[in-house]
Protein backbone atom coordinates (compact mmCIF):
# COMPACT_ATOMS: atom_id res chain seq x y z
CA MET A 1 51.20 -41.68 -33.81
CA ASP A 2 52.13 -42.29 -30.02
CA PRO A 3 52.86 -38.96 -28.38
CA SER A 4 55.51 -40.16 -26.60
CA ARG A 5 57.32 -41.45 -29.62
CA VAL A 6 57.46 -37.66 -30.06
CA LEU A 7 60.30 -35.08 -28.70
CA ASN A 8 59.33 -31.74 -28.24
CA ILE A 9 61.50 -28.91 -28.58
CA ASN A 10 60.08 -25.51 -27.66
CA VAL A 11 60.71 -22.54 -29.88
CA GLY A 12 60.96 -18.96 -29.02
CA ILE A 13 59.99 -16.50 -31.93
CA LEU A 14 61.20 -13.11 -30.32
CA GLY A 15 61.62 -9.88 -32.16
CA HIS A 16 60.74 -6.15 -32.56
CA VAL A 17 56.83 -5.74 -33.03
CA ASP A 18 56.23 -5.27 -36.51
CA SER A 19 59.21 -7.87 -37.72
CA GLY A 20 56.93 -11.09 -39.11
CA LYS A 21 57.21 -12.85 -35.80
CA THR A 22 53.47 -14.16 -36.34
CA SER A 23 53.42 -14.37 -40.02
CA LEU A 24 56.28 -16.75 -39.54
CA ALA A 25 54.82 -19.03 -36.98
CA ARG A 26 51.90 -19.10 -39.13
CA ALA A 27 53.86 -20.23 -42.15
CA LEU A 28 55.73 -23.23 -40.43
CA SER A 29 52.98 -24.28 -38.15
CA THR A 30 50.61 -27.08 -39.61
CA ILE A 31 49.38 -27.22 -35.53
CA LEU A 32 47.52 -24.82 -33.73
CA SER A 33 46.80 -24.31 -30.02
CA THR A 34 43.43 -22.47 -28.47
CA ALA A 35 46.03 -19.35 -27.88
CA ALA A 36 47.31 -19.42 -31.40
CA LEU A 37 47.97 -16.58 -34.44
CA ASP A 38 46.41 -13.26 -32.56
CA LYS A 39 43.48 -15.10 -31.76
CA SER A 40 42.15 -12.87 -29.35
CA PRO A 41 39.88 -9.90 -30.00
CA ASP A 42 42.20 -7.20 -28.80
CA SER A 43 44.92 -8.51 -30.82
CA GLN A 44 42.95 -8.37 -33.92
CA GLU A 45 41.77 -5.36 -33.43
CA ARG A 46 45.03 -3.47 -32.65
CA GLY A 47 46.81 -5.28 -35.20
CA ILE A 48 49.96 -6.73 -33.25
CA THR A 49 50.36 -9.62 -30.83
CA LEU A 50 49.47 -8.91 -26.86
CA ASP A 51 50.12 -12.37 -25.33
CA LEU A 52 52.06 -15.38 -25.65
CA GLY A 53 50.74 -17.50 -29.32
CA PHE A 54 51.34 -21.28 -29.53
CA THR A 55 51.85 -23.29 -32.41
CA ALA A 56 53.78 -26.02 -33.62
CA PHE A 57 54.64 -28.37 -36.64
CA GLN A 58 56.71 -31.96 -36.70
CA VAL A 59 59.78 -32.89 -38.51
CA PRO A 60 61.41 -36.47 -39.36
CA LEU A 61 63.79 -37.10 -36.08
CA PRO A 62 67.44 -35.71 -37.24
CA SER A 63 70.58 -38.12 -37.42
CA GLN A 64 71.97 -36.24 -34.25
CA LEU A 65 69.25 -37.02 -32.13
CA SER A 66 68.75 -41.08 -33.66
CA HIS A 67 69.94 -42.28 -30.32
CA LEU A 68 67.07 -41.13 -28.29
CA PRO A 69 63.95 -43.42 -27.86
CA TYR A 70 61.73 -40.73 -30.24
CA ASP A 71 60.25 -41.06 -33.88
CA ARG A 72 59.79 -37.47 -34.59
CA LEU A 73 60.48 -34.43 -33.55
CA GLN A 74 57.85 -31.22 -33.03
CA PHE A 75 58.88 -28.04 -32.97
CA THR A 76 56.67 -26.04 -30.72
CA LEU A 77 56.72 -22.07 -31.68
CA VAL A 78 56.10 -19.66 -28.62
CA ASP A 79 55.15 -16.50 -30.66
CA CYS A 80 55.89 -13.70 -27.76
CA PRO A 81 54.83 -9.86 -28.17
CA GLY A 82 57.43 -7.32 -29.79
CA HIS A 83 56.01 -4.40 -28.19
CA ALA A 84 58.35 -2.52 -25.34
CA SER A 85 55.28 -2.13 -23.43
CA LEU A 86 54.79 -6.43 -22.79
CA ILE A 87 58.39 -6.92 -21.73
CA ARG A 88 56.38 -9.25 -18.86
CA THR A 89 54.99 -11.24 -21.10
CA ILE A 90 58.25 -11.28 -23.65
CA ILE A 91 60.39 -12.49 -20.25
CA GLY A 92 57.39 -14.92 -19.03
CA GLY A 93 57.49 -16.71 -22.22
CA ALA A 94 61.00 -17.09 -22.88
CA GLN A 95 61.80 -18.64 -19.78
CA ILE A 96 59.95 -21.50 -21.06
CA ILE A 97 62.10 -21.68 -24.23
CA ASP A 98 65.02 -24.02 -25.47
CA PHE A 99 66.02 -22.62 -28.63
CA MET A 100 65.28 -19.03 -30.50
CA LEU A 101 64.63 -17.58 -33.68
CA LEU A 102 65.42 -14.04 -33.47
CA VAL A 103 63.16 -12.45 -36.23
CA VAL A 104 64.62 -8.86 -37.90
CA ASP A 105 63.43 -7.39 -40.50
CA ALA A 106 65.70 -7.01 -43.72
CA GLN A 107 64.56 -3.26 -44.35
CA LYS A 108 65.30 -1.82 -40.57
CA GLY A 109 68.05 -4.10 -39.13
CA ILE A 110 68.59 -4.34 -35.55
CA GLN A 111 65.63 -2.46 -33.20
CA THR A 112 65.67 -1.85 -29.98
CA GLN A 113 63.15 -4.52 -28.98
CA THR A 114 65.67 -6.94 -31.37
CA ALA A 115 68.38 -5.96 -28.57
CA GLU A 116 66.40 -6.74 -25.76
CA CYS A 117 64.85 -10.26 -27.18
CA LEU A 118 68.88 -11.09 -27.75
CA VAL A 119 69.63 -10.18 -23.94
CA ILE A 120 66.40 -12.83 -23.02
CA GLY A 121 67.38 -14.84 -25.39
CA GLU A 122 71.24 -15.21 -24.00
CA ILE A 123 69.94 -15.70 -20.26
CA THR A 124 67.20 -18.11 -21.31
CA CYS A 125 68.80 -20.14 -23.85
CA ARG A 126 72.16 -21.07 -25.84
CA GLN A 127 70.92 -22.17 -29.33
CA ALA A 128 69.66 -19.69 -31.79
CA ILE A 129 68.62 -19.21 -35.58
CA VAL A 130 68.55 -15.87 -36.95
CA VAL A 131 65.97 -14.86 -39.13
CA LEU A 132 66.29 -12.45 -41.66
CA ASN A 133 62.56 -11.48 -42.61
CA LYS A 134 60.73 -9.76 -45.31
CA ILE A 135 63.70 -10.19 -47.93
CA ASP A 136 60.67 -9.30 -50.44
CA MET A 137 60.51 -6.05 -49.54
CA VAL A 138 64.22 -5.27 -50.39
CA GLU A 139 64.01 -5.53 -53.90
CA LYS A 140 61.45 -7.76 -56.54
CA THR A 141 64.00 -10.27 -58.11
CA GLU A 142 66.80 -12.44 -56.81
CA GLU A 143 69.76 -11.29 -58.78
CA ALA A 144 68.96 -7.63 -57.42
CA ARG A 145 68.02 -8.75 -54.17
CA LYS A 146 71.53 -11.15 -53.00
CA PRO A 147 73.88 -8.61 -52.95
CA LEU A 148 71.90 -6.71 -50.54
CA ILE A 149 71.16 -9.64 -48.23
CA ASP A 150 74.83 -10.31 -47.85
CA LYS A 151 75.64 -6.91 -47.20
CA ILE A 152 73.01 -7.08 -43.98
CA THR A 153 73.81 -10.59 -43.22
CA ALA A 154 77.20 -9.29 -42.92
CA ARG A 155 76.46 -6.62 -40.77
CA LEU A 156 74.16 -8.98 -38.68
CA LYS A 157 77.38 -11.26 -37.91
CA ARG A 158 79.32 -8.20 -36.99
CA THR A 159 76.70 -7.62 -34.52
CA PHE A 160 76.46 -11.12 -32.88
CA GLU A 161 79.79 -11.30 -33.03
CA LYS A 162 80.24 -10.83 -29.37
CA THR A 163 77.39 -12.76 -28.03
CA VAL A 164 77.21 -16.58 -27.22
CA PHE A 165 75.00 -16.69 -30.54
CA LYS A 166 77.98 -15.83 -32.59
CA ASP A 167 78.13 -18.83 -34.73
CA SER A 168 74.36 -18.71 -35.26
CA PRO A 169 73.35 -19.20 -38.61
CA ILE A 170 71.31 -16.47 -40.23
CA ILE A 171 68.98 -17.38 -43.02
CA PRO A 172 67.21 -14.83 -45.03
CA VAL A 173 63.18 -15.66 -45.70
CA SER A 174 60.17 -13.88 -46.61
CA ALA A 175 57.04 -15.95 -44.15
CA CYS A 176 54.17 -13.87 -45.94
CA CYS A 177 54.51 -12.61 -49.59
CA GLY A 178 51.12 -11.96 -50.16
CA PRO A 179 47.83 -11.22 -47.86
CA ALA A 180 47.45 -14.06 -44.59
CA PRO A 181 44.27 -15.82 -44.71
CA PRO A 182 42.29 -16.11 -40.96
CA ALA A 183 43.68 -18.47 -38.50
CA PRO A 184 40.72 -21.36 -38.01
CA GLU A 185 38.26 -21.05 -35.73
CA ASP A 186 38.37 -24.38 -34.05
CA GLY A 187 42.51 -24.88 -34.16
CA LYS A 188 42.25 -28.04 -35.89
CA ALA A 189 42.05 -27.13 -39.50
CA ALA A 190 44.66 -26.72 -41.80
CA LEU A 191 46.25 -23.34 -42.44
CA ALA A 192 45.70 -22.13 -46.11
CA PRO A 193 49.11 -21.59 -47.97
CA VAL A 194 50.59 -18.44 -48.78
CA PRO A 195 53.36 -17.26 -50.54
CA THR A 196 56.78 -17.64 -48.55
CA LEU A 197 60.94 -17.47 -49.67
CA ASN A 198 63.54 -19.96 -48.21
CA LEU A 199 61.34 -21.34 -45.07
CA ASP A 200 62.07 -24.52 -46.27
CA VAL A 201 65.92 -23.77 -45.52
CA LEU A 202 64.61 -22.68 -42.08
CA MET A 203 63.20 -25.43 -41.53
CA ASP A 204 66.06 -28.04 -42.64
CA THR A 205 68.46 -25.40 -40.86
CA MET A 206 66.44 -25.79 -37.67
CA ALA A 207 66.30 -29.76 -37.58
CA ARG A 208 70.27 -29.74 -38.56
CA THR A 209 71.24 -27.91 -35.74
CA VAL A 210 68.88 -28.65 -32.70
CA ARG A 211 71.03 -30.03 -29.62
CA GLU A 212 69.66 -32.80 -27.20
CA PRO A 213 67.57 -30.92 -24.72
CA ARG A 214 67.36 -31.31 -20.69
CA ARG A 215 64.63 -33.69 -20.12
CA SER A 216 63.95 -35.40 -16.77
CA ASP A 217 60.66 -36.86 -15.48
CA LYS A 218 62.50 -36.72 -12.10
CA GLY A 219 62.10 -34.72 -9.54
CA ALA A 220 58.45 -32.33 -8.36
CA LEU A 221 56.17 -31.20 -10.79
CA LEU A 222 56.44 -27.65 -11.82
CA PHE A 223 53.92 -26.91 -14.72
CA GLU A 224 53.89 -23.04 -15.61
CA PHE A 225 50.44 -22.16 -17.47
CA ASP A 226 49.97 -18.95 -20.17
CA HIS A 227 46.04 -19.59 -20.13
CA CYS A 228 43.51 -20.65 -18.78
CA PHE A 229 39.48 -20.90 -19.81
CA LEU A 230 36.40 -22.96 -19.16
CA ILE A 231 34.79 -25.43 -21.40
CA LYS A 232 31.30 -26.19 -20.15
CA GLY A 233 30.61 -30.26 -19.45
CA LEU A 234 34.51 -30.59 -19.19
CA GLY A 235 36.40 -28.52 -16.70
CA THR A 236 38.79 -25.41 -16.36
CA ILE A 237 41.84 -26.27 -19.08
CA LEU A 238 45.25 -25.08 -17.98
CA THR A 239 47.50 -24.60 -20.76
CA GLY A 240 51.59 -24.41 -20.68
CA THR A 241 54.51 -26.18 -20.39
CA VAL A 242 56.08 -28.44 -18.27
CA LEU A 243 59.38 -27.11 -16.86
CA SER A 244 60.20 -30.16 -14.59
CA GLY A 245 59.14 -33.56 -13.21
CA SER A 246 55.98 -35.06 -15.17
CA ILE A 247 52.14 -34.68 -14.84
CA GLU A 248 49.66 -37.57 -15.77
CA ILE A 249 45.80 -38.32 -15.50
CA GLY A 250 44.88 -38.52 -11.86
CA GLN A 251 47.55 -37.01 -10.44
CA ASN A 252 47.11 -34.59 -7.41
CA ILE A 253 48.26 -31.08 -8.11
CA GLU A 254 48.79 -28.14 -6.19
CA LEU A 255 47.66 -24.53 -7.30
CA PRO A 256 49.93 -22.61 -4.77
CA MET A 257 48.78 -18.88 -5.25
CA LEU A 258 45.09 -20.40 -4.42
CA LYS A 259 46.37 -22.47 -1.69
CA ILE A 260 43.76 -25.84 -3.22
CA GLU A 261 44.54 -28.87 -4.74
CA LYS A 262 42.89 -30.44 -7.75
CA LYS A 263 42.76 -34.15 -9.47
CA VAL A 264 44.04 -33.97 -12.86
CA LYS A 265 41.04 -35.11 -15.02
CA SER A 266 42.16 -35.74 -18.63
CA MET A 267 45.01 -34.12 -20.80
CA GLN A 268 45.80 -33.57 -24.97
CA MET A 269 48.56 -32.24 -26.53
CA PHE A 270 47.86 -30.49 -29.32
CA HIS A 271 44.60 -31.58 -29.69
CA ARG A 272 45.62 -35.32 -28.95
CA PRO A 273 44.48 -37.10 -25.76
CA ILE A 274 47.48 -38.43 -23.66
CA SER A 275 47.72 -39.94 -20.27
CA ARG A 276 51.32 -38.87 -19.01
CA ALA A 277 53.40 -35.62 -19.85
CA VAL A 278 57.16 -35.10 -19.05
CA GLN A 279 59.26 -31.92 -18.67
CA GLY A 280 59.34 -29.68 -21.91
CA ASP A 281 56.34 -30.92 -23.08
CA ARG A 282 53.59 -28.75 -23.74
CA VAL A 283 49.93 -29.94 -23.19
CA GLY A 284 46.52 -28.85 -21.95
CA VAL A 285 45.20 -30.04 -18.08
CA CYS A 286 41.46 -30.63 -17.58
CA VAL A 287 40.56 -30.09 -13.68
CA THR A 288 37.23 -29.84 -12.37
CA GLN A 289 35.48 -27.43 -10.02
CA LEU A 290 37.66 -24.58 -10.33
CA ASP A 291 37.04 -20.66 -11.07
CA ALA A 292 38.70 -20.10 -14.15
CA ASN A 293 37.98 -16.76 -13.44
CA LEU A 294 40.30 -16.73 -10.38
CA LEU A 295 43.21 -17.72 -12.62
CA GLU A 296 45.11 -16.33 -15.78
CA ARG A 297 48.40 -17.48 -15.62
CA GLY A 298 50.70 -19.30 -12.82
CA ILE A 299 52.28 -22.55 -11.62
CA ALA A 300 50.80 -25.96 -10.79
CA ALA A 301 53.01 -28.22 -8.78
CA SER A 302 53.76 -30.79 -6.49
CA PRO A 303 51.57 -29.94 -3.47
CA GLY A 304 54.08 -28.48 -1.04
CA SER A 305 56.88 -28.30 -3.39
CA VAL A 306 56.43 -24.42 -3.88
CA ARG A 307 57.35 -21.99 -1.19
CA THR A 308 55.94 -18.17 -0.87
CA LEU A 309 59.14 -15.55 -0.09
CA SER A 310 59.06 -12.37 0.81
CA ALA A 311 63.12 -11.61 0.53
CA ALA A 312 65.74 -14.56 -0.69
CA ILE A 313 69.37 -14.83 -1.67
CA ILE A 314 70.19 -15.60 -5.29
CA ALA A 315 73.53 -15.47 -7.13
CA LEU A 316 73.55 -12.97 -9.99
CA ASN A 317 75.27 -11.60 -13.16
CA LYS A 318 75.12 -8.15 -14.67
CA VAL A 319 73.68 -7.69 -17.99
CA ARG A 320 76.28 -6.22 -19.92
CA PHE A 321 74.04 -4.01 -22.42
CA TYR A 322 72.46 -2.33 -19.18
CA LYS A 323 74.24 0.72 -19.29
CA GLU A 324 73.15 2.23 -16.04
CA GLU A 325 74.99 1.50 -12.78
CA VAL A 326 73.17 -1.10 -10.60
CA SER A 327 73.63 0.13 -7.29
CA SER A 328 72.67 -1.56 -3.41
CA LYS A 329 69.09 -0.72 -2.09
CA GLN A 330 68.09 0.34 -5.75
CA ARG A 331 64.75 -0.66 -6.50
CA PHE A 332 63.81 -3.18 -9.91
CA HIS A 333 60.86 -5.16 -11.00
CA ILE A 334 61.45 -8.91 -10.06
CA THR A 335 60.14 -11.81 -12.69
CA VAL A 336 60.05 -14.70 -11.59
CA GLY A 337 57.84 -16.66 -14.26
CA HIS A 338 55.04 -14.92 -15.30
CA GLN A 339 54.75 -12.77 -11.75
CA THR A 340 56.37 -9.92 -11.63
CA VAL A 341 57.06 -7.51 -8.36
CA MET A 342 58.57 -4.37 -7.20
CA GLY A 343 61.61 -5.20 -4.73
CA SER A 344 65.16 -3.83 -3.49
CA ALA A 345 68.63 -5.33 -3.75
CA LEU A 346 71.59 -5.59 -1.45
CA PHE A 347 74.57 -6.57 -3.61
CA PHE A 348 77.36 -8.75 -1.79
CA GLY A 349 80.52 -10.93 -3.27
CA LEU A 350 83.54 -12.98 -2.49
CA PRO A 351 86.34 -11.17 -0.87
CA PRO A 352 89.04 -9.78 -3.26
CA GLN A 353 91.69 -13.21 -3.63
CA GLY A 354 95.79 -11.76 -2.64
CA ASP A 355 94.96 -7.93 -2.78
CA THR A 356 93.98 -6.87 1.22
CA SER A 357 93.91 -3.02 -0.09
CA SER A 358 91.52 -2.86 -2.90
CA ASP A 359 88.19 -1.69 -1.63
CA ASP A 360 85.57 -3.93 -3.39
CA SER A 361 82.66 -1.63 -1.71
CA GLY A 362 83.18 1.67 -2.49
CA SER A 363 84.36 1.41 -5.95
CA SER A 364 81.83 1.42 -8.78
CA SER A 365 84.35 2.06 -11.94
CA SER A 366 85.04 -1.40 -12.43
CA SER A 367 80.79 -2.10 -13.07
CA SER A 368 80.97 0.68 -15.44
CA SER A 369 83.93 -0.35 -17.73
CA SER A 370 83.24 -1.44 -20.69
CA SER A 371 86.37 -1.83 -22.19
CA SER A 372 86.24 -4.78 -25.25
CA SER A 373 88.42 -7.14 -23.31
CA THR A 374 85.72 -7.11 -20.33
CA SER A 375 83.14 -7.85 -22.61
CA ASP A 376 85.14 -10.37 -24.29
CA ILE A 377 85.40 -12.10 -21.33
CA GLU A 378 82.18 -12.20 -20.27
CA ASP A 379 81.13 -13.38 -23.68
CA SER A 380 83.22 -16.50 -23.04
CA LEU A 381 82.03 -17.14 -19.57
CA ALA A 382 78.36 -16.68 -20.23
CA ALA A 383 77.39 -19.99 -21.15
CA LEU A 384 78.89 -21.52 -17.86
CA ASP A 385 76.45 -22.63 -15.81
CA ILE A 386 75.12 -21.98 -12.06
CA GLN A 387 76.55 -25.57 -11.22
CA SER A 388 80.12 -24.03 -12.56
CA ALA A 389 80.57 -21.49 -9.79
CA PRO A 390 81.23 -22.00 -6.03
CA PRO A 391 78.38 -22.59 -4.01
CA TYR A 392 77.30 -20.03 -1.40
CA ASP A 393 78.31 -20.20 1.94
CA SER A 394 76.14 -18.88 4.87
CA ARG A 395 79.15 -19.80 7.19
CA LYS A 396 81.67 -17.57 5.01
CA GLU A 397 81.89 -13.84 5.28
CA TYR A 398 81.26 -11.70 2.01
CA ILE A 399 82.02 -8.10 1.03
CA TYR A 400 79.55 -5.90 0.60
CA GLN A 401 79.40 -4.27 -2.41
CA ASP A 402 78.21 -0.54 -3.65
CA VAL A 403 77.35 -1.86 -7.08
CA LEU A 404 77.15 -4.92 -9.26
CA HIS A 405 80.35 -5.37 -11.39
CA LEU A 406 80.09 -7.30 -15.19
CA THR A 407 81.51 -10.33 -15.31
CA SER A 408 85.19 -10.15 -15.26
CA PRO A 409 88.47 -12.30 -13.90
CA SER A 410 88.07 -10.81 -10.92
CA HIS A 411 84.23 -11.29 -10.94
CA PRO A 412 83.39 -14.85 -12.65
CA PRO A 413 79.53 -15.81 -13.64
CA PHE A 414 77.56 -16.20 -10.60
CA THR A 415 80.35 -15.22 -8.13
CA GLN A 416 78.14 -12.03 -6.76
CA PHE A 417 74.80 -12.78 -4.41
CA ALA A 418 72.25 -10.43 -4.08
CA LEU A 419 70.00 -10.04 -1.11
CA LEU A 420 66.31 -9.09 -2.86
CA GLU A 421 63.58 -8.31 -0.57
CA PHE A 422 60.00 -7.88 -2.25
CA ASP A 423 57.15 -5.40 -1.56
CA HIS A 424 54.75 -8.74 -1.63
CA PRO A 425 55.22 -12.27 -1.62
CA ILE A 426 56.15 -14.22 -4.40
CA LEU A 427 56.00 -17.81 -5.51
CA PHE A 428 59.61 -18.98 -5.69
CA PRO A 429 59.43 -22.64 -7.21
CA GLU A 430 63.13 -24.58 -6.26
CA GLY A 431 66.48 -23.37 -8.89
CA SER A 432 63.93 -20.44 -10.02
CA LEU A 433 65.14 -18.18 -12.64
CA ILE A 434 65.08 -14.18 -11.70
CA ILE A 435 65.16 -11.55 -14.14
CA ALA A 436 65.60 -8.07 -12.72
CA SER A 437 64.56 -4.68 -15.19
CA ARG A 438 63.59 -1.21 -14.59
CA LEU A 439 60.29 -1.31 -16.55
CA ASP A 440 59.46 1.98 -15.53
CA ALA A 441 61.94 3.50 -17.87
CA ASP A 442 61.32 5.16 -21.07
CA VAL A 443 60.08 3.15 -23.79
CA ASN A 444 61.43 4.64 -26.67
CA ALA A 445 64.61 5.30 -25.30
CA ASN A 446 67.25 3.33 -27.14
CA SER A 447 68.68 1.13 -23.93
CA CYS A 448 68.37 -2.23 -22.69
CA ARG A 449 65.88 -2.20 -19.31
CA ILE A 450 67.20 -5.42 -18.06
CA ALA A 451 69.58 -5.03 -15.31
CA PHE A 452 70.51 -8.67 -14.11
CA HIS A 453 69.71 -12.26 -13.79
CA GLY A 454 70.50 -15.02 -11.19
CA ARG A 455 69.28 -18.04 -9.68
CA LEU A 456 67.71 -18.56 -6.14
CA LEU A 457 69.85 -20.01 -3.78
CA GLU A 458 68.27 -19.74 -0.35
CA PRO A 459 65.13 -18.15 1.53
CA VAL A 460 65.79 -15.59 4.20
CA ASP A 461 63.44 -14.64 7.34
CA THR A 462 64.03 -10.52 7.50
CA SER A 463 61.63 -10.48 10.29
CA SER A 464 64.79 -9.84 12.87
CA ARG A 465 68.79 -9.84 12.24
CA ASP A 466 69.23 -12.71 14.07
CA LYS A 467 67.71 -14.74 12.02
CA LEU A 468 69.35 -12.77 8.76
CA HIS A 469 72.87 -13.21 10.59
CA GLU A 470 72.22 -16.92 10.14
CA LYS A 471 72.00 -16.36 6.54
CA MET A 472 74.43 -13.77 5.37
CA LYS A 473 78.13 -12.49 7.16
CA ILE A 474 78.37 -9.82 5.29
CA TYR A 475 81.23 -6.75 6.06
CA LYS A 476 82.51 -3.72 4.85
CA THR A 477 85.89 -2.11 4.75
CA LYS A 478 86.53 1.17 5.81
CA CYS A 479 89.55 3.32 5.75
CA LYS A 480 89.88 6.91 7.70
CA GLN A 481 92.74 9.06 6.43
CA GLY A 482 94.42 11.96 8.40
CA ILE A 483 97.44 14.34 9.15
CA ILE A 484 99.47 14.36 11.82
CA GLU A 485 101.19 17.70 12.96
CA ARG A 486 104.07 17.23 14.76
């Protein structure tokens, strides 16, 4: 079949460590990539997923997508690690997905990393299916199992009812009811079948509920690759996902981290030669005369389209599951794609409307409020895109904030801003998603480490106060009180 007639949907498989994510990918997949099913020796030695894995399967194009110019629908599964120490890899992988499978162990329920993966999913996509895995471990017979599964499902629905995934289907499955066979060495042979439960229901639900993704071949190329390796006699292979624009054979692409340009020699999509790929496609790109040891992961782009920044202004929202106060001048791990650097944040926002007596810069009570009404409002607004928010205007005056506030009627989505200053320069594609975390927090603590997320608005030159003032006009409100003795 012509690859251009296949619509690709990138599906992230996220969840707590040992919830059965890789077993699920194995059971669903009929097509394997060069990085699939924990092939690396380190993963096999430790028995856990350490890096992103990619597999796929195809189904007929469902009726709700029949108006699109495609004949088949391909689900590319992005198997993400589940261990808390690998959160950087999880964040990097989640930024390329259209759809999430959140895997929950039926015996253990919601765990710490399940909650963090839920947060990442809310930030990066708006559609999910909750996969209740390992149901064969709950009870051996279907009659004994059903009431327990119904009870667990009801509990999960209560958990998700205050998230953007409140209406997501919950599908009970068992991805592996026996020992899993090893993955084929060449990645091309078919996987040996294993006993499973309800996977046909899951696949049908995925096909029936998937929405039309955003796809365009317009604009500059942005290709995020997650693996880089050498094939002798052929060249260096970059495997990744086209995030914007298009890429074709003979095109010049820039590797901004090395400040070099290369010409695309050939391309493949899951072992099938192709000549062109567009936004959303998962491809392997071959270039020549590139030392694969210089790169592990990164981005390729249209020449000159990616900037290197030391500071930037972003529009942002606080993550409501992050329980600590998010203060100005605090330091965070800032992640853009597969890059993570340390940086500091200074928060500011729109002046209070109609209430000149309120001091938005000094009060932290609203940021720490976790009342149900505020959470409900935030949930209803969470799906708003940044394009729905008022644009940032460097000519306006903004008020300094000591703390970042939760989304609320007085602080709608993306109406708070931050000046981020990075310890080291970082590559920033246009409109980049930024996720800020406290990765130095205790991984064993039962708490969310993701503090806020946002989008790049403007680069900033912080080398002089005059240049900074051109981009930012921020003021503080001050009040002095005293007693007059007569």
